[in-house]
Amino acid sequence: MDAHRQGQFVRVTCRWCRITRNYRPLDLHKLIGDHHVLKLQHRFRCEKCERKDYIEVEFKMIIGSEIKGFKVRELAEIKMVKRPVWRDIEL
């Protein structure tokens, strides 16, 4: 929450795919709660290659001249997925 108040962004980079995404700390707070983002670094998964071991997370401060054209991923909604789990039993 301090990063949000200071105007910082969370930069998540996959070193395997070379993809970088920027997030607002407040959006990530809605997903993970009061946990520090950097402690959860290996729980993020790349959307392209689905790997966790090449993810790098850092905080990024944007200066006035950099803000124009700066792309940020915005949290649109949170969907909960119900997935059935089956087991075989003998009668």
PDB file of N, CA and C in Angstrom:
ATOM      1  N   MET A   1       0.817  -1.203   0.000  1.00  0.00           N
ATOM      2  CA  MET A   1       0.000   0.000   0.000  1.00  0.00           C
ATOM      3  C   MET A   1       0.859   1.264   0.000  1.00  0.00           C
ATOM      4  N   ASP A   2       2.059   1.186   0.596  1.00  0.00           N
ATOM      5  CA  ASP A   2       2.951   2.349   0.583  1.00  0.00           C
ATOM      6  C   ASP A   2       3.370   2.697  -0.842  1.00  0.00           C
ATOM      7  N   ALA A   3       3.597   1.678  -1.654  1.00  0.00           N
ATOM      8  CA  ALA A   3       3.998   1.909  -3.051  1.00  0.00           C
ATOM      9  C   ALA A   3       2.892   2.633  -3.809  1.00  0.00           C
ATOM     10  N   HIS A   4       1.643   2.297  -3.528  1.00  0.00           N
ATOM     11  CA  HIS A   4       0.518   2.962  -4.192  1.00  0.00           C
ATOM     12  C   HIS A   4       0.470   4.438  -3.796  1.00  0.00           C
ATOM     13  N   ARG A   5       0.662   4.704  -2.516  1.00  0.00           N
ATOM     14  CA  ARG A   5       0.631   6.093  -2.035  1.00  0.00           C
ATOM     15  C   ARG A   5       1.786   6.914  -2.611  1.00  0.00           C
ATOM     16  N   GLN A   6       2.903   6.269  -2.886  1.00  0.00           N
ATOM     17  CA  GLN A   6       4.070   6.969  -3.430  1.00  0.00           C
ATOM     18  C   GLN A   6       4.040   7.075  -4.950  1.00  0.00           C
ATOM     19  N   GLY A   7       3.025   6.484  -5.581  1.00  0.00           N
ATOM     20  CA  GLY A   7       2.913   6.572  -7.034  1.00  0.00           C
ATOM     21  C   GLY A   7       3.789   5.584  -7.783  1.00  0.00           C
ATOM     22  N   GLN A   8       4.197   4.512  -7.111  1.00  0.00           N
ATOM     23  CA  GLN A   8       5.025   3.509  -7.762  1.00  0.00           C
ATOM     24  C   GLN A   8       4.161   2.484  -8.491  1.00  0.00           C
ATOM     25  N   PHE A   9       4.795   1.724  -9.373  1.00  0.00           N
ATOM     26  CA  PHE A   9       4.157   0.631 -10.080  1.00  0.00           C
ATOM     27  C   PHE A   9       4.954  -0.637  -9.820  1.00  0.00           C
ATOM     28  N   VAL A  10       4.313  -1.780 -10.005  1.00  0.00           N
ATOM     29  CA  VAL A  10       4.995  -3.062  -9.862  1.00  0.00           C
ATOM     30  C   VAL A  10       5.295  -3.568 -11.262  1.00  0.00           C
ATOM     31  N   ARG A  11       6.566  -3.779 -11.548  1.00  0.00           N
ATOM     32  CA  ARG A  11       6.996  -4.281 -12.851  1.00  0.00           C
ATOM     33  C   ARG A  11       7.305  -5.767 -12.719  1.00  0.00           C
ATOM     34  N   VAL A  12       6.614  -6.587 -13.519  1.00  0.00           N
ATOM     35  CA  VAL A  12       6.809  -8.037 -13.522  1.00  0.00           C
ATOM     36  C   VAL A  12       7.380  -8.410 -14.886  1.00  0.00           C
ATOM     37  N   THR A  13       8.551  -9.034 -14.873  1.00  0.00           N
ATOM     38  CA  THR A  13       9.242  -9.397 -16.106  1.00  0.00           C
ATOM     39  C   THR A  13       9.506 -10.894 -16.132  1.00  0.00           C
ATOM     40  N   CYS A  14       9.223 -11.520 -17.273  1.00  0.00           N
ATOM     41  CA  CYS A  14       9.604 -12.916 -17.490  1.00  0.00           C
ATOM     42  C   CYS A  14      10.932 -12.887 -18.237  1.00  0.00           C
ATOM     43  N   ARG A  15      11.990 -13.369 -17.586  1.00  0.00           N
ATOM     44  CA  ARG A  15      13.303 -13.365 -18.212  1.00  0.00           C
ATOM     45  C   ARG A  15      13.415 -14.425 -19.298  1.00  0.00           C
ATOM     46  N   TRP A  16      12.500 -15.370 -19.350  1.00  0.00           N
ATOM     47  CA  TRP A  16      12.491 -16.402 -20.388  1.00  0.00           C
ATOM     48  C   TRP A  16      11.895 -15.843 -21.687  1.00  0.00           C
ATOM     49  N   CYS A  17      10.723 -15.225 -21.577  1.00  0.00           N
ATOM     50  CA  CYS A  17      10.006 -14.687 -22.755  1.00  0.00           C
ATOM     51  C   CYS A  17      10.372 -13.244 -23.084  1.00  0.00           C
ATOM     52  N   ARG A  18      10.988 -12.562 -22.132  1.00  0.00           N
ATOM     53  CA  ARG A  18      11.313 -11.141 -22.283  1.00  0.00           C
ATOM     54  C   ARG A  18      10.056 -10.280 -22.373  1.00  0.00           C
ATOM     55  N   ILE A  19       9.032 -10.632 -21.603  1.00  0.00           N
ATOM     56  CA  ILE A  19       7.798  -9.852 -21.547  1.00  0.00           C
ATOM     57  C   ILE A  19       7.776  -9.096 -20.227  1.00  0.00           C
ATOM     58  N   THR A  20       7.413  -7.829 -20.292  1.00  0.00           N
ATOM     59  CA  THR A  20       7.314  -7.006 -19.092  1.00  0.00           C
ATOM     60  C   THR A  20       5.912  -6.435 -18.994  1.00  0.00           C
ATOM     61  N   ARG A  21       5.343  -6.518 -17.805  1.00  0.00           N
ATOM     62  CA  ARG A  21       4.020  -5.958 -17.533  1.00  0.00           C
ATOM     63  C   ARG A  21       4.130  -5.050 -16.323  1.00  0.00           C
ATOM     64  N   ASN A  22       3.366  -3.970 -16.332  1.00  0.00           N
ATOM     65  CA  ASN A  22       3.332  -3.030 -15.214  1.00  0.00           C
ATOM     66  C   ASN A  22       1.948  -3.073 -14.579  1.00  0.00           C
ATOM     67  N   TYR A  23       1.922  -3.107 -13.253  1.00  0.00           N
ATOM     68  CA  TYR A  23       0.672  -3.204 -12.511  1.00  0.00           C
ATOM     69  C   TYR A  23       0.614  -2.108 -11.464  1.00  0.00           C
ATOM     70  N   ARG A  24      -0.590  -1.715 -11.110  1.00  0.00           N
ATOM     71  CA  ARG A  24      -0.786  -0.805  -9.987  1.00  0.00           C
ATOM     72  C   ARG A  24      -0.740  -1.632  -8.703  1.00  0.00           C
ATOM     73  N   PRO A  25      -0.039  -1.168  -7.691  1.00  0.00           N
ATOM     74  CA  PRO A  25       0.026  -1.919  -6.431  1.00  0.00           C
ATOM     75  C   PRO A  25      -1.350  -2.160  -5.803  1.00  0.00           C
ATOM     76  N   LEU A  26      -2.266  -1.224  -5.975  1.00  0.00           N
ATOM     77  CA  LEU A  26      -3.605  -1.382  -5.403  1.00  0.00           C
ATOM     78  C   LEU A  26      -4.345  -2.558  -6.036  1.00  0.00           C
ATOM     79  N   ASP A  27      -4.157  -2.770  -7.345  1.00  0.00           N
ATOM     80  CA  ASP A  27      -4.787  -3.910  -8.020  1.00  0.00           C
ATOM     81  C   ASP A  27      -4.225  -5.233  -7.499  1.00  0.00           C
ATOM     82  N   LEU A  28      -2.905  -5.293  -7.306  1.00  0.00           N
ATOM     83  CA  LEU A  28      -2.298  -6.517  -6.773  1.00  0.00           C
ATOM     84  C   LEU A  28      -2.701  -6.752  -5.328  1.00  0.00           C
ATOM     85  N   HIS A  29      -2.910  -5.672  -4.586  1.00  0.00           N
ATOM     86  CA  HIS A  29      -3.352  -5.796  -3.194  1.00  0.00           C
ATOM     87  C   HIS A  29      -4.726  -6.454  -3.123  1.00  0.00           C
ATOM     88  N   LYS A  30      -5.584  -6.160  -4.100  1.00  0.00           N
ATOM     89  CA  LYS A  30      -6.908  -6.794  -4.144  1.00  0.00           C
ATOM     90  C   LYS A  30      -6.802  -8.301  -4.348  1.00  0.00           C
ATOM     91  N   LEU A  31      -5.755  -8.747  -5.052  1.00  0.00           N
ATOM     92  CA  LEU A  31      -5.578 -10.171  -5.335  1.00  0.00           C
ATOM     93  C   LEU A  31      -4.869 -10.926  -4.225  1.00  0.00           C
ATOM     94  N   ILE A  32      -3.808 -10.349  -3.676  1.00  0.00           N
ATOM     95  CA  ILE A  32      -2.981 -11.097  -2.735  1.00  0.00           C
ATOM     96  C   ILE A  32      -3.130 -10.651  -1.286  1.00  0.00           C
ATOM     97  N   GLY A  33      -3.833  -9.570  -1.041  1.00  0.00           N
ATOM     98  CA  GLY A  33      -4.032  -9.114   0.329  1.00  0.00           C
ATOM     99  C   GLY A  33      -2.832  -8.354   0.858  1.00  0.00           C
ATOM    100  N   ASP A  34      -2.567  -8.490   2.154  1.00  0.00           N
ATOM    101  CA  ASP A  34      -1.523  -7.718   2.828  1.00  0.00           C
ATOM    102  C   ASP A  34      -0.138  -8.337   2.748  1.00  0.00           C
ATOM    103  N   HIS A  35       0.111  -9.178   1.785  1.00  0.00           N
ATOM    104  CA  HIS A  35       1.436  -9.780   1.616  1.00  0.00           C
ATOM    105  C   HIS A  35       2.313  -8.840   0.793  1.00  0.00           C
ATOM    106  N   HIS A  36       3.594  -8.843   1.076  1.00  0.00           N
ATOM    107  CA  HIS A  36       4.518  -8.016   0.301  1.00  0.00           C
ATOM    108  C   HIS A  36       4.742  -8.673  -1.057  1.00  0.00           C
ATOM    109  N   VAL A  37       4.664  -7.908  -2.102  1.00  0.00           N
ATOM    110  CA  VAL A  37       4.753  -8.416  -3.471  1.00  0.00           C
ATOM    111  C   VAL A  37       6.068  -9.141  -3.725  1.00  0.00           C
ATOM    112  N   LEU A  38       7.160  -8.613  -3.219  1.00  0.00           N
ATOM    113  CA  LEU A  38       8.464  -9.215  -3.491  1.00  0.00           C
ATOM    114  C   LEU A  38       8.623 -10.572  -2.819  1.00  0.00           C
ATOM    115  N   LYS A  39       7.917 -10.812  -1.720  1.00  0.00           N
ATOM    116  CA  LYS A  39       7.977 -12.122  -1.074  1.00  0.00           C
ATOM    117  C   LYS A  39       7.213 -13.178  -1.871  1.00  0.00           C
ATOM    118  N   LEU A  40       6.304 -12.733  -2.717  1.00  0.00           N
ATOM    119  CA  LEU A  40       5.491 -13.645  -3.522  1.00  0.00           C
ATOM    120  C   LEU A  40       5.998 -13.750  -4.958  1.00  0.00           C
ATOM    121  N   GLN A  41       7.223 -13.335  -5.190  1.00  0.00           N
ATOM    122  CA  GLN A  41       7.771 -13.276  -6.543  1.00  0.00           C
ATOM    123  C   GLN A  41       7.643 -14.596  -7.292  1.00  0.00           C
ATOM    124  N   HIS A  42       7.914 -15.707  -6.650  1.00  0.00           N
ATOM    125  CA  HIS A  42       7.885 -16.993  -7.343  1.00  0.00           C
ATOM    126  C   HIS A  42       6.484 -17.587  -7.437  1.00  0.00           C
ATOM    127  N   ARG A  43       5.477 -16.859  -6.999  1.00  0.00           N
ATOM    128  CA  ARG A  43       4.108 -17.329  -7.158  1.00  0.00           C
ATOM    129  C   ARG A  43       3.459 -16.738  -8.399  1.00  0.00           C
ATOM    130  N   PHE A  44       4.083 -15.713  -8.971  1.00  0.00           N
ATOM    131  CA  PHE A  44       3.596 -15.168 -10.233  1.00  0.00           C
ATOM    132  C   PHE A  44       3.940 -16.147 -11.348  1.00  0.00           C
ATOM    133  N   ARG A  45       3.089 -16.222 -12.342  1.00  0.00           N
ATOM    134  CA  ARG A  45       3.299 -17.113 -13.482  1.00  0.00           C
ATOM    135  C   ARG A  45       3.186 -16.289 -14.759  1.00  0.00           C
ATOM    136  N   CYS A  46       4.085 -16.540 -15.699  1.00  0.00           N
ATOM    137  CA  CYS A  46       4.059 -15.848 -16.986  1.00  0.00           C
ATOM    138  C   CYS A  46       2.827 -16.283 -17.764  1.00  0.00           C
ATOM    139  N   GLU A  47       2.130 -15.318 -18.338  1.00  0.00           N
ATOM    140  CA  GLU A  47       0.935 -15.636 -19.113  1.00  0.00           C
ATOM    141  C   GLU A  47       1.268 -16.308 -20.441  1.00  0.00           C
ATOM    142  N   LYS A  48       2.475 -16.073 -20.947  1.00  0.00           N
ATOM    143  CA  LYS A  48       2.842 -16.631 -22.244  1.00  0.00           C
ATOM    144  C   LYS A  48       3.435 -18.035 -22.117  1.00  0.00           C
ATOM    145  N   CYS A  49       4.499 -18.180 -21.319  1.00  0.00           N
ATOM    146  CA  CYS A  49       5.177 -19.477 -21.219  1.00  0.00           C
ATOM    147  C   CYS A  49       4.751 -20.285 -19.985  1.00  0.00           C
ATOM    148  N   GLU A  50       4.000 -19.652 -19.077  1.00  0.00           N
ATOM    149  CA  GLU A  50       3.478 -20.274 -17.857  1.00  0.00           C
ATOM    150  C   GLU A  50       4.568 -20.738 -16.895  1.00  0.00           C
ATOM    151  N   ARG A  51       5.748 -20.161 -16.973  1.00  0.00           N
ATOM    152  CA  ARG A  51       6.841 -20.513 -16.069  1.00  0.00           C
ATOM    153  C   ARG A  51       6.835 -19.572 -14.870  1.00  0.00           C
ATOM    154  N   LYS A  52       7.272 -20.080 -13.727  1.00  0.00           N
ATOM    155  CA  LYS A  52       7.383 -19.271 -12.524  1.00  0.00           C
ATOM    156  C   LYS A  52       8.832 -18.938 -12.190  1.00  0.00           C
ATOM    157  N   ASP A  53       9.739 -19.789 -12.605  1.00  0.00           N
ATOM    158  CA  ASP A  53      11.125 -19.674 -12.167  1.00  0.00           C
ATOM    159  C   ASP A  53      11.918 -18.555 -12.839  1.00  0.00           C
ATOM    160  N   TYR A  54      11.384 -17.915 -13.856  1.00  0.00           N
ATOM    161  CA  TYR A  54      12.090 -16.833 -14.539  1.00  0.00           C
ATOM    162  C   TYR A  54      11.436 -15.470 -14.302  1.00  0.00           C
ATOM    163  N   ILE A  55      10.528 -15.387 -13.339  1.00  0.00           N
ATOM    164  CA  ILE A  55       9.813 -14.148 -13.070  1.00  0.00           C
ATOM    165  C   ILE A  55      10.643 -13.248 -12.156  1.00  0.00           C
ATOM    166  N   GLU A  56      10.691 -12.003 -12.516  1.00  0.00           N
ATOM    167  CA  GLU A  56      11.392 -10.990 -11.722  1.00  0.00           C
ATOM    168  C   GLU A  56      10.409  -9.871 -11.407  1.00  0.00           C
ATOM    169  N   VAL A  57      10.322  -9.489 -10.137  1.00  0.00           N
ATOM    170  CA  VAL A  57       9.381  -8.457  -9.698  1.00  0.00           C
ATOM    171  C   VAL A  57      10.166  -7.318  -9.063  1.00  0.00           C
ATOM    172  N   GLU A  58       9.798  -6.092  -9.429  1.00  0.00           N
ATOM    173  CA  GLU A  58      10.444  -4.917  -8.842  1.00  0.00           C
ATOM    174  C   GLU A  58       9.451  -3.757  -8.818  1.00  0.00           C
ATOM    175  N   PHE A  59       9.733  -2.790  -7.977  1.00  0.00           N
ATOM    176  CA  PHE A  59       8.934  -1.568  -7.945  1.00  0.00           C
ATOM    177  C   PHE A  59       9.561  -0.550  -8.870  1.00  0.00           C
ATOM    178  N   LYS A  60       8.722   0.206  -9.561  1.00  0.00           N
ATOM    179  CA  LYS A  60       9.203   1.174 -10.551  1.00  0.00           C
ATOM    180  C   LYS A  60       8.543   2.512 -10.286  1.00  0.00           C
ATOM    181  N   MET A  61       9.362   3.540 -10.154  1.00  0.00           N
ATOM    182  CA  MET A  61       8.867   4.901  -9.988  1.00  0.00           C
ATOM    183  C   MET A  61       8.900   5.574 -11.353  1.00  0.00           C
ATOM    184  N   ILE A  62       7.789   6.146 -11.762  1.00  0.00           N
ATOM    185  CA  ILE A  62       7.687   6.778 -13.073  1.00  0.00           C
ATOM    186  C   ILE A  62       7.798   8.295 -12.900  1.00  0.00           C
ATOM    187  N   ILE A  63       8.703   8.882 -13.648  1.00  0.00           N
ATOM    188  CA  ILE A  63       8.918  10.329 -13.620  1.00  0.00           C
ATOM    189  C   ILE A  63       7.977  10.971 -14.646  1.00  0.00           C
ATOM    190  N   GLY A  64       7.663  12.213 -14.474  1.00  0.00           N
ATOM    191  CA  GLY A  64       6.701  12.932 -15.298  1.00  0.00           C
ATOM    192  C   GLY A  64       6.828  12.726 -16.795  1.00  0.00           C
ATOM    193  N   SER A  65       8.049  12.759 -17.335  1.00  0.00           N
ATOM    194  CA  SER A  65       8.221  12.627 -18.777  1.00  0.00           C
ATOM    195  C   SER A  65       7.982  11.193 -19.262  1.00  0.00           C
ATOM    196  N   GLU A  66       8.086  10.199 -18.360  1.00  0.00           N
ATOM    197  CA  GLU A  66       7.900   8.796 -18.739  1.00  0.00           C
ATOM    198  C   GLU A  66       6.440   8.357 -18.700  1.00  0.00           C
ATOM    199  N   ILE A  67       5.583   9.144 -18.075  1.00  0.00           N
ATOM    200  CA  ILE A  67       4.200   8.716 -17.849  1.00  0.00           C
ATOM    201  C   ILE A  67       3.398   8.647 -19.151  1.00  0.00           C
ATOM    202  N   LYS A  68       3.728   9.491 -20.116  1.00  0.00           N
ATOM    203  CA  LYS A  68       3.006   9.474 -21.386  1.00  0.00           C
ATOM    204  C   LYS A  68       3.370   8.208 -22.154  1.00  0.00           C
ATOM    205  N   GLY A  69       2.371   7.407 -22.472  1.00  0.00           N
ATOM    206  CA  GLY A  69       2.581   6.170 -23.208  1.00  0.00           C
ATOM    207  C   GLY A  69       2.979   4.989 -22.339  1.00  0.00           C
ATOM    208  N   PHE A  70       3.016   5.178 -21.020  1.00  0.00           N
ATOM    209  CA  PHE A  70       3.375   4.097 -20.098  1.00  0.00           C
ATOM    210  C   PHE A  70       2.198   3.132 -19.989  1.00  0.00           C
ATOM    211  N   LYS A  71       2.415   1.865 -20.325  1.00  0.00           N
ATOM    212  CA  LYS A  71       1.332   0.875 -20.336  1.00  0.00           C
ATOM    213  C   LYS A  71       1.223   0.196 -18.980  1.00  0.00           C
ATOM    214  N   VAL A  72      -0.007   0.132 -18.483  1.00  0.00           N
ATOM    215  CA  VAL A  72      -0.293  -0.487 -17.193  1.00  0.00           C
ATOM    216  C   VAL A  72      -1.426  -1.490 -17.389  1.00  0.00           C
ATOM    217  N   ARG A  73      -1.271  -2.672 -16.799  1.00  0.00           N
ATOM    218  CA  ARG A  73      -2.342  -3.662 -16.826  1.00  0.00           C
ATOM    219  C   ARG A  73      -3.289  -3.343 -15.688  1.00  0.00           C
ATOM    220  N   GLU A  74      -4.540  -3.156 -16.039  1.00  0.00           N
ATOM    221  CA  GLU A  74      -5.550  -2.771 -15.058  1.00  0.00           C
ATOM    222  C   GLU A  74      -6.431  -3.965 -14.727  1.00  0.00           C
ATOM    223  N   LEU A  75      -6.721  -4.135 -13.456  1.00  0.00           N
ATOM    224  CA  LEU A  75      -7.579  -5.223 -13.014  1.00  0.00           C
ATOM    225  C   LEU A  75      -9.022  -4.899 -13.387  1.00  0.00           C
ATOM    226  N   ALA A  76      -9.592  -5.662 -14.305  1.00  0.00           N
ATOM    227  CA  ALA A  76     -10.963  -5.424 -14.752  1.00  0.00           C
ATOM    228  C   ALA A  76     -11.968  -6.159 -13.874  1.00  0.00           C
ATOM    229  N   GLU A  77     -11.665  -7.405 -13.542  1.00  0.00           N
ATOM    230  CA  GLU A  77     -12.543  -8.183 -12.678  1.00  0.00           C
ATOM    231  C   GLU A  77     -11.800  -9.398 -12.150  1.00  0.00           C
ATOM    232  N   ILE A  78     -12.343  -9.984 -11.103  1.00  0.00           N
ATOM    233  CA  ILE A  78     -11.787 -11.201 -10.537  1.00  0.00           C
ATOM    234  C   ILE A  78     -12.831 -12.291 -10.710  1.00  0.00           C
ATOM    235  N   LYS A  79     -12.459 -13.362 -11.396  1.00  0.00           N
ATOM    236  CA  LYS A  79     -13.377 -14.477 -11.616  1.00  0.00           C
ATOM    237  C   LYS A  79     -12.948 -15.651 -10.750  1.00  0.00           C
ATOM    238  N   MET A  80     -13.893 -16.245 -10.103  1.00  0.00           N
ATOM    239  CA  MET A  80     -13.638 -17.451  -9.330  1.00  0.00           C
ATOM    240  C   MET A  80     -14.073 -18.635 -10.192  1.00  0.00           C
ATOM    241  N   VAL A  81     -13.197 -19.601 -10.343  1.00  0.00           N
ATOM    242  CA  VAL A  81     -13.473 -20.751 -11.195  1.00  0.00           C
ATOM    243  C   VAL A  81     -13.783 -21.953 -10.311  1.00  0.00           C
ATOM    244  N   LYS A  82     -14.931 -22.570 -10.561  1.00  0.00           N
ATOM    245  CA  LYS A  82     -15.274 -23.800  -9.860  1.00  0.00           C
ATOM    246  C   LYS A  82     -14.869 -24.965 -10.752  1.00  0.00           C
ATOM    247  N   ARG A  83     -14.051 -25.823 -10.219  1.00  0.00           N
ATOM    248  CA  ARG A  83     -13.549 -26.945 -10.981  1.00  0.00           C
ATOM    249  C   ARG A  83     -13.857 -28.216 -10.187  1.00  0.00           C
ATOM    250  N   PRO A  84     -14.585 -29.159 -10.764  1.00  0.00           N
ATOM    251  CA  PRO A  84     -14.898 -30.394 -10.018  1.00  0.00           C
ATOM    252  C   PRO A  84     -13.668 -31.281  -9.862  1.00  0.00           C
ATOM    253  N   VAL A  85     -13.601 -31.908  -8.724  1.00  0.00           N
ATOM    254  CA  VAL A  85     -12.532 -32.878  -8.450  1.00  0.00           C
ATOM    255  C   VAL A  85     -13.214 -34.217  -8.214  1.00  0.00           C
ATOM    256  N   TRP A  86     -12.856 -35.203  -8.994  1.00  0.00           N
ATOM    257  CA  TRP A  86     -13.480 -36.508  -8.934  1.00  0.00           C
ATOM    258  C   TRP A  86     -12.543 -37.523  -8.303  1.00  0.00           C
ATOM    259  N   ARG A  87     -13.124 -38.557  -7.717  1.00  0.00           N
ATOM    260  CA  ARG A  87     -12.343 -39.679  -7.232  1.00  0.00           C
ATOM    261  C   ARG A  87     -13.155 -40.929  -7.470  1.00  0.00           C
ATOM    262  N   ASP A  88     -12.480 -42.032  -7.657  1.00  0.00           N
ATOM    263  CA  ASP A  88     -13.136 -43.330  -7.874  1.00  0.00           C
ATOM    264  C   ASP A  88     -13.218 -44.079  -6.551  1.00  0.00           C
ATOM    265  N   ILE A  89     -14.391 -44.627  -6.294  1.00  0.00           N
ATOM    266  CA  ILE A  89     -14.578 -45.423  -5.091  1.00  0.00           C
ATOM    267  C   ILE A  89     -15.210 -46.749  -5.482  1.00  0.00           C
ATOM    268  N   GLU A  90     -15.018 -47.730  -4.654  1.00  0.00           N
ATOM    269  CA  GLU A  90     -15.659 -49.018  -4.877  1.00  0.00           C
ATOM    270  C   GLU A  90     -16.890 -49.113  -4.008  1.00  0.00           C
ATOM    271  N   LEU A  91     -17.951 -49.666  -4.568  1.00  0.00           N
ATOM    272  CA  LEU A  91     -19.193 -49.858  -3.828  1.00  0.00           C
ATOM    273  C   LEU A  91     -19.263 -51.246  -3.247  1.00  0.00           C
TER     274      LEU A  91
END
